[in-house]
Amino acid sequence: MPTTLNVGLSKKVGEPDYGSRGASVNLETELDAGLVNDSDRLRDRIRQLFQLARSAVHEELSPNGNQHPANGNSGTGPANGNANGNGARAATDSQVRALHAIARKRQLDLANLVQQRFRCQRPEDLSLRDASTLIDELNGAANGSRR
């Protein structure tokens, strides 16, 4: 009897005026017996499938996906500080602009910093609180203080 592996991922993003939209994908594959008995290879296969699922969901929610917001928002995050998909208020446009300006001035890779530190794809995906914390930390580091 074959063993199947089912991996699923759903993501919901906030929209202006407290709306939201989402995407979901489920992948199923049949596993050979050798893979089932090798936990390292099995974990690698699971990671590969999750990466495929993440990519598919990201593409669906991206500006080039099936839905295009009328307000010009990128479609992967909220506008105007509404919920950002995890229940928290999203970073404001002013916070995002400030983060880009500070990062440019300090020659930092902002996208990489946000991904590693907060596990967000872009600065626009940060919560209001995380964006504020990051601005304070970057400004503090620029002034020679550590928090």
Protein backbone atom coordinates (compact mmCIF):
# COMPACT_ATOMS: atom_id res chain seq x y z
CA MET A 1 0.00 0.00 0.00
CA PRO A 2 1.53 3.34 -1.04
CA THR A 3 2.18 6.08 1.49
CA THR A 4 0.99 9.56 0.59
CA LEU A 5 2.14 12.89 1.94
CA ASN A 6 -0.24 15.83 1.96
CA VAL A 7 1.11 19.35 2.58
CA GLY A 8 -1.17 22.35 2.77
CA LEU A 9 -0.73 26.07 3.28
CA SER A 10 -3.19 28.94 3.59
CA LYS A 11 -2.51 32.64 3.94
CA LYS A 12 -4.81 35.56 4.45
CA VAL A 13 -3.79 39.19 3.94
CA GLY A 14 -5.51 42.33 5.09
CA GLU A 15 -7.05 44.76 2.67
CA PRO A 16 -8.14 48.38 3.04
CA ASP A 17 -11.27 49.04 5.06
CA TYR A 18 -10.74 45.90 7.14
CA GLY A 19 -11.25 43.52 4.25
CA SER A 20 -9.10 40.53 3.52
CA ARG A 21 -8.36 37.98 0.85
CA GLY A 22 -6.58 34.70 0.93
CA ALA A 23 -5.11 31.82 -0.97
CA SER A 24 -4.75 28.17 -0.12
CA VAL A 25 -2.97 25.23 -1.71
CA ASN A 26 -2.71 21.53 -0.89
CA LEU A 27 -0.14 19.25 -2.46
CA GLU A 28 -0.25 15.47 -2.31
CA THR A 29 2.46 13.09 -3.42
CA GLU A 30 3.06 9.38 -3.19
CA LEU A 31 6.24 8.41 -1.33
CA ASP A 32 8.47 5.47 -2.08
CA ALA A 33 9.25 3.11 0.79
CA GLY A 34 12.92 4.16 0.92
CA LEU A 35 11.99 7.76 1.57
CA VAL A 36 9.57 6.84 4.35
CA ASN A 37 12.33 4.98 6.20
CA ASP A 38 14.92 7.79 5.84
CA SER A 39 13.85 10.62 8.15
CA ASP A 40 16.39 13.14 6.79
CA ARG A 41 15.31 12.62 3.17
CA LEU A 42 11.66 12.67 4.22
CA ARG A 43 12.10 16.02 6.01
CA ASP A 44 13.86 17.39 2.91
CA ARG A 45 10.95 16.30 0.73
CA ILE A 46 8.45 17.88 3.13
CA ARG A 47 10.47 21.15 3.07
CA GLN A 48 10.47 21.07 -0.75
CA LEU A 49 6.72 20.65 -0.85
CA PHE A 50 6.16 23.45 1.66
CA GLN A 51 8.43 25.71 -0.40
CA LEU A 52 6.34 24.93 -3.48
CA ALA A 53 3.17 25.68 -1.52
CA ARG A 54 4.61 28.96 -0.17
CA SER A 55 5.64 30.03 -3.67
CA ALA A 56 2.21 29.21 -5.11
CA VAL A 57 0.37 31.13 -2.37
CA HIS A 58 2.78 34.08 -2.65
CA GLU A 59 2.28 34.21 -6.42
CA GLU A 60 -1.48 34.07 -6.03
CA LEU A 61 -1.46 36.98 -3.58
CA SER A 62 1.14 39.02 -5.49
CA PRO A 63 0.19 42.01 -7.63
CA ASN A 64 0.44 39.84 -10.75
CA GLY A 65 -1.87 37.21 -9.28
CA ASN A 66 -5.55 36.82 -10.04
CA GLN A 67 -6.74 39.70 -7.88
CA HIS A 68 -5.60 43.28 -8.33
CA PRO A 69 -6.56 45.80 -5.67
CA ALA A 70 -8.05 48.99 -7.06
CA ASN A 71 -6.08 51.24 -4.70
CA GLY A 72 -2.67 50.42 -6.17
CA ASN A 73 -1.61 48.52 -3.05
CA SER A 74 0.81 45.71 -3.82
CA GLY A 75 -1.77 43.10 -2.92
CA THR A 76 0.56 41.24 -0.53
CA GLY A 77 -0.13 43.42 2.45
CA PRO A 78 -2.58 45.91 3.80
CA ALA A 79 -2.83 49.61 3.19
CA ASN A 80 -3.63 52.37 5.66
CA GLY A 81 -2.56 50.42 8.75
CA ASN A 82 -5.31 47.81 8.64
CA ALA A 83 -4.87 44.23 9.79
CA ASN A 84 -1.85 42.55 8.18
CA GLY A 85 -2.97 38.95 8.06
CA ASN A 86 -1.80 38.00 11.55
CA GLY A 87 -4.37 40.08 13.43
CA ALA A 88 -2.00 42.95 14.22
CA ARG A 89 -2.24 46.43 12.73
CA ALA A 90 0.06 46.77 9.76
CA ALA A 91 2.97 49.18 9.47
CA THR A 92 1.94 52.55 8.13
CA ASP A 93 3.19 53.93 4.83
CA SER A 94 5.21 56.50 6.82
CA GLN A 95 6.91 53.76 8.83
CA VAL A 96 7.79 51.84 5.68
CA ARG A 97 9.22 54.97 4.05
CA ALA A 98 11.23 55.70 7.21
CA LEU A 99 12.62 52.16 7.26
CA HIS A 100 13.68 52.42 3.62
CA ALA A 101 15.32 55.82 4.25
CA ILE A 102 17.22 54.62 7.33
CA ALA A 103 18.33 51.43 5.59
CA ARG A 104 19.51 53.39 2.55
CA LYS A 105 21.42 55.85 4.74
CA ARG A 106 23.05 53.03 6.74
CA GLN A 107 23.57 50.84 3.65
CA LEU A 108 21.55 47.96 5.10
CA ASP A 109 19.73 45.23 3.20
CA LEU A 110 16.29 45.98 4.62
CA ALA A 111 14.51 43.09 2.89
CA ASN A 112 17.00 40.58 4.29
CA LEU A 113 16.83 42.14 7.76
CA VAL A 114 13.03 41.97 7.80
CA GLN A 115 13.01 38.38 6.53
CA GLN A 116 15.54 37.12 9.06
CA ARG A 117 14.36 39.11 12.05
CA PHE A 118 10.59 39.14 11.62
CA ARG A 119 10.01 36.39 9.04
CA CYS A 120 8.17 38.80 6.76
CA GLN A 121 8.63 38.94 3.01
CA ARG A 122 8.77 42.74 2.84
CA PRO A 123 8.90 45.75 5.17
CA GLU A 124 5.27 46.47 4.19
CA ASP A 125 4.29 43.16 5.84
CA LEU A 126 5.56 44.20 9.29
CA SER A 127 3.11 44.92 12.08
CA LEU A 128 2.82 48.48 13.36
CA ARG A 129 4.63 47.47 16.55
CA ASP A 130 7.47 45.61 14.77
CA ALA A 131 8.02 48.50 12.37
CA SER A 132 8.18 50.93 15.28
CA THR A 133 10.61 48.71 17.17
CA LEU A 134 12.85 48.33 14.13
CA ILE A 135 12.87 52.09 13.46
CA ASP A 136 13.82 52.76 17.09
CA GLU A 137 16.57 50.13 17.01
CA LEU A 138 18.03 51.34 13.72
CA ASN A 139 17.94 54.95 14.88
CA GLY A 140 19.45 53.95 18.23
CA ALA A 141 22.24 52.02 16.52
CA ALA A 142 22.88 54.99 14.23
CA ASN A 143 23.28 57.22 17.30
CA GLY A 144 25.74 54.81 18.91
CA SER A 145 23.38 53.44 21.58
CA ARG A 146 22.31 49.84 22.01
CA ARG A 147 18.83 48.84 23.16
